[in-house]
């Protein structure tokens, strides 16, 4: 069976088309159940930036036609004009890249992995993701974890609010124990408050000209709302100030901020202005205890981060290629000689070698009965050792848990390093191999 991916994304389709295919979860399950009639497997991935269906079927052409028909019914004829398709290993590579956030609008963003995992769980719940597709998804998730661990692709902030908070964290070497003030409870203020909370800010105050909006945001992020009339008093107590109001004139000037200096006794103040027009007069930055940044400063920081992520994406691409190659190799082994048969061949070869070595060391002093007893002991050890894994693999069957166990056995005993042909052709003088189907096709 060959993997197919059919879909559209922010790269190929406008929002008006993507939103027609943005189905609620219940309808996604309905579609999956129509597409994944056994033995076909299907995965439906839906985010604000992409809708993709992955199919694994013995009759690729028929599964593809059914998927296209579903997409046409849901998205109209126009949707078909924006579709892309990947087949075979290209579809596998695409799945891995999507899970690793290498195909996202913002490189390295973390949300996509959770969204693919949600789609995977939904597919499993609907009975649409079972054998090989389940293994492919698990391998993609493992690859994404490796990319997160071995590259810095997700560490550099790419939104204005996140970048502002990251910059503040750098200045203070973390925000633990710091008091932060969010001025303005609009969309940007909300994002900044969330990032500040996630960054570990100890005290978070929110102020806004309309107090009820400050209260709503403070309740959401676990902060405290304060009246706008207390603005300068709040700044006096703060270590970090992030402002994003719609004020037509600066809220903070060199005079009103400078007047707070004596009470702070040199304690530094980090101020970020995400508003246009600016909330902070540029002259505030001339105070030697104030670190002031405006939108242009943060934008430059974001651009530098984006460049850093692009560089890390190159490293991530290499990891994806390695993990795809590994998955393809494991699949070839699964589809070739059953794992347990290869494991038995390996054990028999070791036992045979040890028996021959022992007989050689004992010399010609043994009679036939003694020699046969030693050979029988070698076979008995192999049989007893493999009895439990044989019974367990037979009990769980060729799909799901059986595949997982077979893959684990292959990994633990180094069977993945052998060539299939070598393992299959190895001679056997011990008991006949036990053939256990371990999935695959």
Protein backbone atom coordinates (compact mmCIF):
# COMPACT_ATOMS: atom_id res chain seq x y z
CA UNK A 1 0.00 0.00 0.00
CA UNK A 2 1.20 3.48 -0.81
CA UNK A 3 0.66 6.63 1.21
CA UNK A 4 -1.11 9.53 -0.51
CA UNK A 5 -1.52 13.08 0.70
CA UNK A 6 -4.08 15.38 -0.92
CA UNK A 7 -4.63 18.86 0.45
CA UNK A 8 -4.35 22.60 0.24
CA UNK A 9 -2.62 25.12 2.45
CA UNK A 10 -1.71 28.77 2.88
CA UNK A 11 0.80 28.22 0.09
CA UNK A 12 -1.78 27.17 -2.50
CA UNK A 13 -5.24 28.37 -1.50
CA UNK A 14 -6.77 31.67 -0.36
CA UNK A 15 -8.51 31.89 2.99
CA UNK A 16 -11.97 31.86 1.37
CA UNK A 17 -11.27 28.36 0.03
CA UNK A 18 -9.54 27.06 3.18
CA UNK A 19 -12.39 28.13 5.43
CA UNK A 20 -14.93 26.13 3.39
CA UNK A 21 -12.97 22.99 4.26
CA UNK A 22 -12.54 23.89 7.94
CA UNK A 23 -14.99 21.35 9.34
CA UNK A 24 -16.06 20.93 12.95
CA UNK A 25 -14.68 17.79 14.58
CA UNK A 26 -17.92 15.84 14.27
CA UNK A 27 -17.99 16.35 10.50
CA UNK A 28 -14.32 15.42 10.22
CA UNK A 29 -15.15 12.12 11.87
CA UNK A 30 -18.00 11.59 9.41
CA UNK A 31 -15.65 12.16 6.48
CA UNK A 32 -13.02 9.85 7.95
CA UNK A 33 -15.54 7.07 8.39
CA UNK A 34 -16.65 7.39 4.78
CA UNK A 35 -13.06 7.40 3.46
CA UNK A 36 -11.59 4.75 5.76
CA UNK A 37 -13.63 1.72 4.81
CA UNK A 38 -11.38 -1.24 5.72
CA UNK A 39 -8.65 -1.86 4.65
CA UNK A 40 -8.28 1.83 3.73
CA UNK A 41 -6.77 4.09 6.42
CA UNK A 42 -7.30 7.85 6.52
CA UNK A 43 -6.08 10.86 8.49
CA UNK A 44 -7.72 14.30 8.21
CA UNK A 45 -5.51 17.23 9.30
CA UNK A 46 -7.30 20.56 9.58
CA UNK A 47 -5.79 23.84 10.83
CA UNK A 48 -6.31 27.49 9.94
CA UNK A 49 -3.54 27.16 7.38
CA UNK A 50 -4.10 23.72 5.87
CA UNK A 51 -6.53 20.91 5.21
CA UNK A 52 -4.95 17.60 4.24
CA UNK A 53 -6.15 14.04 3.94
CA UNK A 54 -3.65 11.18 4.15
CA UNK A 55 -4.73 7.86 2.69
CA UNK A 56 -3.27 4.39 2.76
CA UNK A 57 -5.09 1.96 0.52
CA UNK A 58 -4.49 -1.15 -1.59
CA UNK A 59 -6.35 0.52 -4.46
CA UNK A 60 -4.68 3.92 -4.56
CA UNK A 61 -6.64 5.21 -7.54
CA UNK A 62 -10.02 4.46 -5.99
CA UNK A 63 -9.10 5.96 -2.61
CA UNK A 64 -7.84 9.08 -4.38
CA UNK A 65 -11.07 9.47 -6.35
CA UNK A 66 -13.17 9.14 -3.21
CA UNK A 67 -11.08 11.77 -1.44
CA UNK A 68 -11.34 14.18 -4.36
CA UNK A 69 -15.10 13.68 -4.46
CA UNK A 70 -15.35 14.49 -0.73
CA UNK A 71 -13.18 17.58 -1.13
CA UNK A 72 -15.29 18.77 -4.06
CA UNK A 73 -18.53 18.32 -2.13
CA UNK A 74 -17.13 20.16 0.88
CA UNK A 75 -15.12 22.90 -0.83
CA UNK A 76 -16.70 23.19 -4.24
CA UNK A 77 -15.06 22.80 -7.64
CA UNK A 78 -12.81 25.76 -6.91
CA UNK A 79 -11.13 23.83 -4.08
CA UNK A 80 -9.87 21.23 -6.54
CA UNK A 81 -7.92 23.93 -8.39
CA UNK A 82 -5.80 24.59 -5.30
CA UNK A 83 -4.99 21.02 -4.31
CA UNK A 84 -1.55 19.46 -4.18
CA UNK A 85 -0.76 15.79 -4.01
CA UNK A 86 2.14 13.75 -2.73
CA UNK A 87 2.50 10.03 -3.14
CA UNK A 88 4.74 7.36 -1.69
CA UNK A 89 7.87 8.58 0.04
CA UNK A 90 7.08 12.19 -0.96
CA UNK A 91 3.85 11.97 1.07
CA UNK A 92 5.79 10.55 3.98
CA UNK A 93 8.33 13.38 3.82
CA UNK A 94 5.47 15.91 3.70
CA UNK A 95 3.82 14.41 6.80
CA UNK A 96 7.10 14.58 8.70
CA UNK A 97 7.75 18.18 7.59
CA UNK A 98 4.25 19.27 8.60
CA UNK A 99 4.62 17.69 12.05
CA UNK A 100 8.03 19.35 12.44
CA UNK A 101 6.59 22.76 11.51
CA UNK A 102 8.80 23.03 8.43
CA UNK A 103 5.78 23.66 6.19
CA UNK A 104 4.14 26.19 8.50
CA UNK A 105 3.55 29.86 7.77
CA UNK A 106 5.81 30.62 10.76
CA UNK A 107 8.75 28.22 10.72
CA UNK A 108 9.11 26.30 13.94
CA UNK A 109 5.77 27.30 15.49
CA UNK A 110 4.77 24.79 18.11
CA UNK A 111 1.00 24.58 17.59
CA UNK A 112 1.06 22.43 14.46
CA UNK A 113 2.44 19.34 16.22
CA UNK A 114 -0.43 19.43 18.72
CA UNK A 115 -2.90 19.88 15.88
CA UNK A 116 -1.56 16.86 13.98
CA UNK A 117 -1.64 14.82 17.19
CA UNK A 118 -5.26 15.86 17.71
CA UNK A 119 -6.05 14.75 14.16
CA UNK A 120 -4.27 11.45 14.83
CA UNK A 121 -6.29 10.80 17.99
CA UNK A 122 -9.50 11.72 16.19
CA UNK A 123 -8.60 9.30 13.41
CA UNK A 124 -7.85 6.54 15.89
CA UNK A 125 -11.13 7.19 17.67
CA UNK A 126 -12.98 6.91 14.39
CA UNK A 127 -11.17 3.68 13.54
CA UNK A 128 -9.61 5.36 10.50
CA UNK A 129 -5.97 5.29 11.68
CA UNK A 130 -4.84 1.76 12.46
CA UNK A 131 -1.73 -0.03 11.14
CA UNK A 132 0.83 1.49 8.81
CA UNK A 133 -0.63 5.00 9.00
CA UNK A 134 -0.44 4.81 12.79
CA UNK A 135 3.23 3.86 12.57
CA UNK A 136 3.92 6.67 10.09
CA UNK A 137 2.31 9.23 12.42
CA UNK A 138 4.22 7.90 15.43
CA UNK A 139 7.47 8.20 13.49
CA UNK A 140 6.57 11.76 12.43
CA UNK A 141 5.90 12.73 16.06
CA UNK A 142 9.19 11.19 17.13
CA UNK A 143 10.95 13.14 14.37
CA UNK A 144 9.30 16.38 15.52
CA UNK A 145 10.52 15.75 19.06
CA UNK A 146 14.04 15.20 17.76
CA UNK A 147 13.90 18.41 15.73
CA UNK A 148 12.76 20.35 18.83
CA UNK A 149 15.53 18.80 20.89
CA UNK A 150 18.43 18.99 18.46
CA UNK A 151 17.75 22.33 16.76
CA UNK A 152 16.83 25.81 17.96
CA UNK A 153 14.05 26.22 15.41
CA UNK A 154 11.38 26.91 18.03
CA UNK A 155 13.38 29.03 20.42
CA UNK A 156 13.45 32.37 18.65
CA UNK A 157 10.26 34.43 18.95
CA UNK A 158 8.62 35.49 15.70
CA UNK A 159 5.66 37.53 16.90
CA UNK A 160 5.97 41.09 18.17
CA UNK A 161 4.51 40.28 21.58
CA UNK A 162 6.59 37.14 22.07
CA UNK A 163 9.73 38.93 20.90
CA UNK A 164 9.13 41.77 23.38
CA UNK A 165 8.84 39.30 26.24
CA UNK A 166 11.85 37.33 25.07
CA UNK A 167 13.90 40.53 24.96
CA UNK A 168 12.79 41.43 28.50
CA UNK A 169 13.76 37.96 29.69
CA UNK A 170 17.22 38.43 28.21
CA UNK A 171 17.71 41.79 29.92
CA UNK A 172 16.76 40.41 33.36
CA UNK A 173 18.02 36.85 32.82
CA UNK A 174 14.46 35.60 33.29
CA UNK A 175 11.31 37.18 34.69
CA UNK A 176 11.02 35.19 37.93
CA UNK A 177 10.55 37.62 40.80
CA UNK A 178 9.86 40.52 38.43
CA UNK A 179 6.83 42.81 38.42
CA UNK A 180 5.41 43.46 34.97
CA UNK A 181 2.81 45.92 33.77
CA UNK A 182 0.70 45.58 30.64
CA UNK A 183 -0.74 48.91 29.51
CA UNK A 184 -3.63 48.36 27.12
CA UNK A 185 -5.95 45.35 27.02
CA UNK A 186 -6.38 45.05 23.26
CA UNK A 187 -5.24 42.14 21.09
CA UNK A 188 -1.53 42.99 21.40
CA UNK A 189 -1.84 43.55 25.13
CA UNK A 190 -3.57 40.21 25.51
CA UNK A 191 -0.80 38.40 23.62
CA UNK A 192 1.88 40.16 25.64
CA UNK A 193 0.14 39.28 28.92
CA UNK A 194 -0.03 35.62 27.94
CA UNK A 195 3.65 35.49 26.99
CA UNK A 196 4.67 37.33 30.15
CA UNK A 197 2.76 34.85 32.28
CA UNK A 198 4.29 31.92 30.40
CA UNK A 199 7.73 33.46 30.89
CA UNK A 200 7.26 33.23 34.65
CA UNK A 201 6.55 36.84 35.62
CA UNK A 202 5.77 36.88 39.35
CA UNK A 203 3.39 39.85 39.50
CA UNK A 204 1.39 40.89 36.48
CA UNK A 205 -0.65 44.09 36.48
CA UNK A 206 -3.01 45.10 33.68
CA UNK A 207 -4.32 48.60 33.23
CA UNK A 208 -6.59 50.05 30.56
CA UNK A 209 -8.67 53.16 30.10
CA UNK A 210 -11.76 50.92 30.28
CA UNK A 211 -11.26 49.09 33.56
CA UNK A 212 -13.65 46.25 32.68
CA UNK A 213 -11.39 45.19 29.80
CA UNK A 214 -8.39 45.19 32.10
CA UNK A 215 -10.32 43.09 34.58
CA UNK A 216 -11.31 40.56 31.93
CA UNK A 217 -7.74 40.17 30.70
CA UNK A 218 -6.29 40.02 34.20
CA UNK A 219 -8.76 37.30 35.15
CA UNK A 220 -7.79 35.32 32.07
CA UNK A 221 -4.02 35.41 32.68
CA UNK A 222 -4.01 35.36 36.46
CA UNK A 223 -2.99 39.01 36.88
CA UNK A 224 -4.41 42.02 38.72
CA UNK A 225 -6.38 44.81 37.05
CA UNK A 226 -5.67 48.37 38.20
CA UNK A 227 -7.32 51.72 37.31
CA UNK A 228 -5.66 53.69 34.53
CA UNK A 229 -5.33 56.62 36.93
CA UNK A 230 -2.62 54.66 38.77
CA UNK A 231 -0.50 54.37 35.63
CA UNK A 232 2.64 56.14 36.87
CA UNK A 233 2.47 54.56 40.30
CA UNK A 234 2.32 51.17 38.60
CA UNK A 235 5.34 52.04 36.45
CA UNK A 236 7.23 53.06 39.58
CA UNK A 237 6.76 49.55 40.97
CA UNK A 238 7.37 47.68 37.72
CA UNK A 239 10.47 46.07 36.28
CA UNK A 240 8.92 45.56 32.84
CA UNK A 241 6.31 47.68 31.06
CA UNK A 242 4.68 46.60 27.80
CA UNK A 243 2.32 49.14 26.30
CA UNK A 244 0.04 48.99 23.28
CA UNK A 245 -2.70 51.57 23.64
CA UNK A 246 -4.45 53.60 20.97
CA UNK A 247 -3.41 56.89 22.55
CA UNK A 248 -2.72 59.58 19.91
CA UNK A 249 0.02 61.10 22.07
CA UNK A 250 2.78 59.51 24.19
CA UNK A 251 1.71 58.34 27.63
CA UNK A 252 5.28 58.32 28.87
CA UNK A 253 7.65 61.26 28.53
CA UNK A 254 11.16 61.89 29.78
CA UNK A 255 9.66 64.16 32.44
CA UNK A 256 7.01 61.84 33.94
CA UNK A 257 9.19 58.71 33.76
CA UNK A 258 12.31 60.60 34.85
CA UNK A 259 10.45 61.76 37.95
CA UNK A 260 10.26 58.13 39.07
CA UNK A 261 14.02 57.65 39.02
CA UNK A 262 14.79 58.78 42.56
CA UNK A 263 12.35 56.27 44.08
CA UNK A 264 13.77 53.42 42.04
CA UNK A 265 17.34 54.01 43.28
CA UNK A 266 18.91 52.83 40.04
CA UNK A 267 16.67 49.78 39.60
CA UNK A 268 16.47 49.25 35.81
CA UNK A 269 13.19 49.59 33.93
CA UNK A 270 12.51 47.73 30.68
CA UNK A 271 9.87 49.43 28.53
CA UNK A 272 8.52 48.07 25.24
CA UNK A 273 6.24 50.15 23.08
CA UNK A 274 4.13 48.05 20.67
CA UNK A 275 1.82 50.95 19.80
CA UNK A 276 1.65 53.12 16.68
CA UNK A 277 1.54 56.07 17.31
CA UNK A 278 4.04 55.48 20.09
CA UNK A 279 3.08 55.40 23.77
CA UNK A 280 6.66 56.12 24.83
CA UNK A 281 8.41 59.30 23.77
CA UNK A 282 11.85 58.46 22.26
CA UNK A 283 13.48 60.77 24.81
CA UNK A 284 12.57 58.29 27.59
CA UNK A 285 15.32 56.04 26.24
CA UNK A 286 17.94 58.65 27.13
CA UNK A 287 17.43 57.94 30.85
CA UNK A 288 20.38 55.78 31.83
CA UNK A 289 18.28 53.37 33.95
CA UNK A 290 15.61 52.81 31.27
CA UNK A 291 15.84 50.26 28.46
CA UNK A 292 13.27 51.47 25.91
CA UNK A 293 12.32 49.71 22.68
CA UNK A 294 9.76 50.66 20.04
CA UNK A 295 8.07 48.75 17.21
CA UNK A 296 11.01 49.14 14.84
CA UNK A 297 13.44 47.76 17.43
CA UNK A 298 11.21 44.75 18.06
CA UNK A 299 10.62 44.21 14.34
CA UNK A 300 14.38 44.04 13.79
CA UNK A 301 14.62 41.50 16.62
CA UNK A 302 11.82 39.47 15.00
CA UNK A 303 13.57 39.62 11.60
CA UNK A 304 16.82 38.38 13.16
CA UNK A 305 14.89 35.55 14.83
CA UNK A 306 13.18 34.61 11.57
CA UNK A 307 16.58 34.40 9.87
CA UNK A 308 17.84 32.24 12.72
CA UNK A 309 14.83 29.93 12.35
CA UNK A 310 15.42 29.61 8.62
CA UNK A 311 18.98 28.55 9.35
CA UNK A 312 17.78 26.00 11.90
CA UNK A 313 15.23 24.75 9.37
CA UNK A 314 18.12 23.59 7.21
CA UNK A 315 19.37 21.43 10.06
CA UNK A 316 15.83 20.20 10.73
CA UNK A 317 15.48 19.19 7.08
CA UNK A 318 18.51 16.92 7.43
CA UNK A 319 16.96 15.28 10.51
CA UNK A 320 13.69 14.74 8.65
CA UNK A 321 15.54 13.04 5.81
CA UNK A 322 17.29 10.75 8.31
CA UNK A 323 14.07 9.86 10.11
CA UNK A 324 12.17 9.20 6.88
CA UNK A 325 14.97 6.94 5.66
CA UNK A 326 14.88 5.10 8.97
CA UNK A 327 11.12 4.63 8.77
CA UNK A 328 11.31 3.38 5.18
CA UNK A 329 14.02 0.89 6.17
CA UNK A 330 12.01 -0.40 9.11
CA UNK A 331 8.94 -0.75 6.93
CA UNK A 332 10.90 -2.74 4.38
CA UNK A 333 12.01 -5.08 7.14
CA UNK A 334 8.48 -5.44 8.47
CA UNK A 335 7.14 -6.20 5.04
CA UNK A 336 9.93 -8.66 4.30
CA UNK A 337 10.83 -11.25 6.89
CA UNK A 338 8.75 -11.26 10.08
CA UNK A 339 10.68 -9.91 13.02
CA UNK A 340 10.31 -13.01 15.14
CA UNK A 341 11.68 -15.22 12.40
CA UNK A 342 14.76 -13.01 12.10
CA UNK A 343 15.14 -12.96 15.86
CA UNK A 344 15.01 -16.77 15.96
CA UNK A 345 17.60 -16.98 13.20
CA UNK A 346 19.86 -14.68 15.15
CA UNK A 347 19.42 -16.71 18.36
CA UNK A 348 19.98 -20.00 16.58
CA UNK A 349 23.18 -18.73 15.00
CA UNK A 350 24.50 -17.64 18.40
CA UNK A 351 23.50 -20.95 20.02
CA UNK A 352 25.06 -22.96 17.21
CA UNK A 353 28.30 -21.04 17.49
CA UNK A 354 28.46 -21.52 21.26
CA UNK A 355 27.67 -25.23 20.98
CA UNK A 356 30.42 -25.73 18.42
CA UNK A 357 32.87 -23.78 20.56
CA UNK A 358 32.00 -25.87 23.64
CA UNK A 359 32.27 -29.17 21.77
CA UNK A 360 35.61 -28.09 20.34
CA UNK A 361 36.93 -27.26 23.81
CA UNK A 362 35.82 -30.62 25.22
CA UNK A 363 37.66 -32.49 22.44
CA UNK A 364 37.03 -36.08 21.33
CA UNK A 365 36.33 -37.41 24.80
CA UNK A 366 32.56 -37.09 24.43
CA UNK A 367 30.38 -39.86 23.13
CA UNK A 368 27.48 -39.31 20.74
CA UNK A 369 24.90 -39.13 23.54
CA UNK A 370 26.86 -36.41 25.33
CA UNK A 371 27.36 -34.40 22.15
CA UNK A 372 23.65 -34.61 21.33
CA UNK A 373 22.78 -33.52 24.87
CA UNK A 374 24.86 -30.35 24.49
CA UNK A 375 23.26 -29.61 21.08
CA UNK A 376 19.80 -30.19 22.56
CA UNK A 377 20.62 -27.83 25.40
CA UNK A 378 21.43 -25.09 22.87
CA UNK A 379 18.12 -25.59 21.10
CA UNK A 380 16.23 -25.70 24.40
CA UNK A 381 17.71 -22.39 25.53
CA UNK A 382 16.63 -20.71 22.27
CA UNK A 383 13.13 -22.18 22.48
CA UNK A 384 12.60 -21.21 26.09
CA UNK A 385 14.01 -17.73 25.51
CA UNK A 386 11.69 -17.07 22.56
CA UNK A 387 8.59 -18.77 23.92
CA UNK A 388 7.21 -15.71 25.72
CA UNK A 389 7.75 -13.16 22.90
CA UNK A 390 6.33 -15.66 20.40
CA UNK A 391 3.19 -16.20 22.47
CA UNK A 392 2.77 -12.49 23.12
CA UNK A 393 3.10 -11.47 19.47
CA UNK A 394 0.65 -14.15 18.46
CA UNK A 395 -1.78 -13.00 21.13
CA UNK A 396 -1.80 -9.32 20.13
CA UNK A 397 -2.01 -10.01 16.40
CA UNK A 398 -0.41 -8.30 13.42
CA UNK A 399 -1.85 -4.77 13.88
CA UNK A 400 -1.48 -2.05 16.49
CA UNK A 401 0.26 -3.38 19.59
CA UNK A 402 1.72 -6.27 17.61
CA UNK A 403 3.46 -3.87 15.25
CA UNK A 404 4.74 -1.79 18.13
CA UNK A 405 6.18 -4.83 19.90
CA UNK A 406 7.70 -6.19 16.71
CA UNK A 407 9.34 -2.85 15.99
CA UNK A 408 10.67 -2.66 19.54
CA UNK A 409 12.11 -6.18 19.28
CA UNK A 410 13.80 -5.32 16.00
CA UNK A 411 15.29 -2.21 17.56
CA UNK A 412 16.43 -3.88 20.81
CA UNK A 413 18.11 -6.84 19.11
CA UNK A 414 19.73 -4.81 16.34
CA UNK A 415 17.73 -6.50 13.58
CA UNK A 416 17.30 -3.19 11.77
CA UNK A 417 20.99 -3.21 10.96
CA UNK A 418 20.80 -6.44 9.03
CA UNK A 419 19.93 -6.72 5.42
CA UNK A 420 16.63 -8.44 4.86
CA UNK A 421 18.06 -10.82 2.35
CA UNK A 422 20.92 -11.79 4.63
CA UNK A 423 18.61 -12.55 7.50
CA UNK A 424 16.15 -14.47 5.36
CA UNK A 425 18.84 -16.56 3.71
CA UNK A 426 20.66 -17.57 6.87
CA UNK A 427 20.80 -21.37 7.22
CA UNK A 428 19.13 -23.00 10.17
CA UNK A 429 20.02 -26.27 11.83
CA UNK A 430 17.86 -25.66 14.87
CA UNK A 431 14.08 -25.67 15.23
CA UNK A 432 12.01 -24.33 12.35
CA UNK A 433 11.29 -20.55 12.48
CA UNK A 434 7.93 -19.48 13.86
CA UNK A 435 6.28 -17.21 11.29
CA UNK A 436 4.38 -14.37 12.97
CA UNK A 437 2.78 -11.76 10.78
CA UNK A 438 3.81 -8.38 12.11
CA UNK A 439 1.70 -6.14 9.96
CA UNK A 440 3.11 -4.26 7.02
CA UNK A 441 0.85 -4.46 4.02
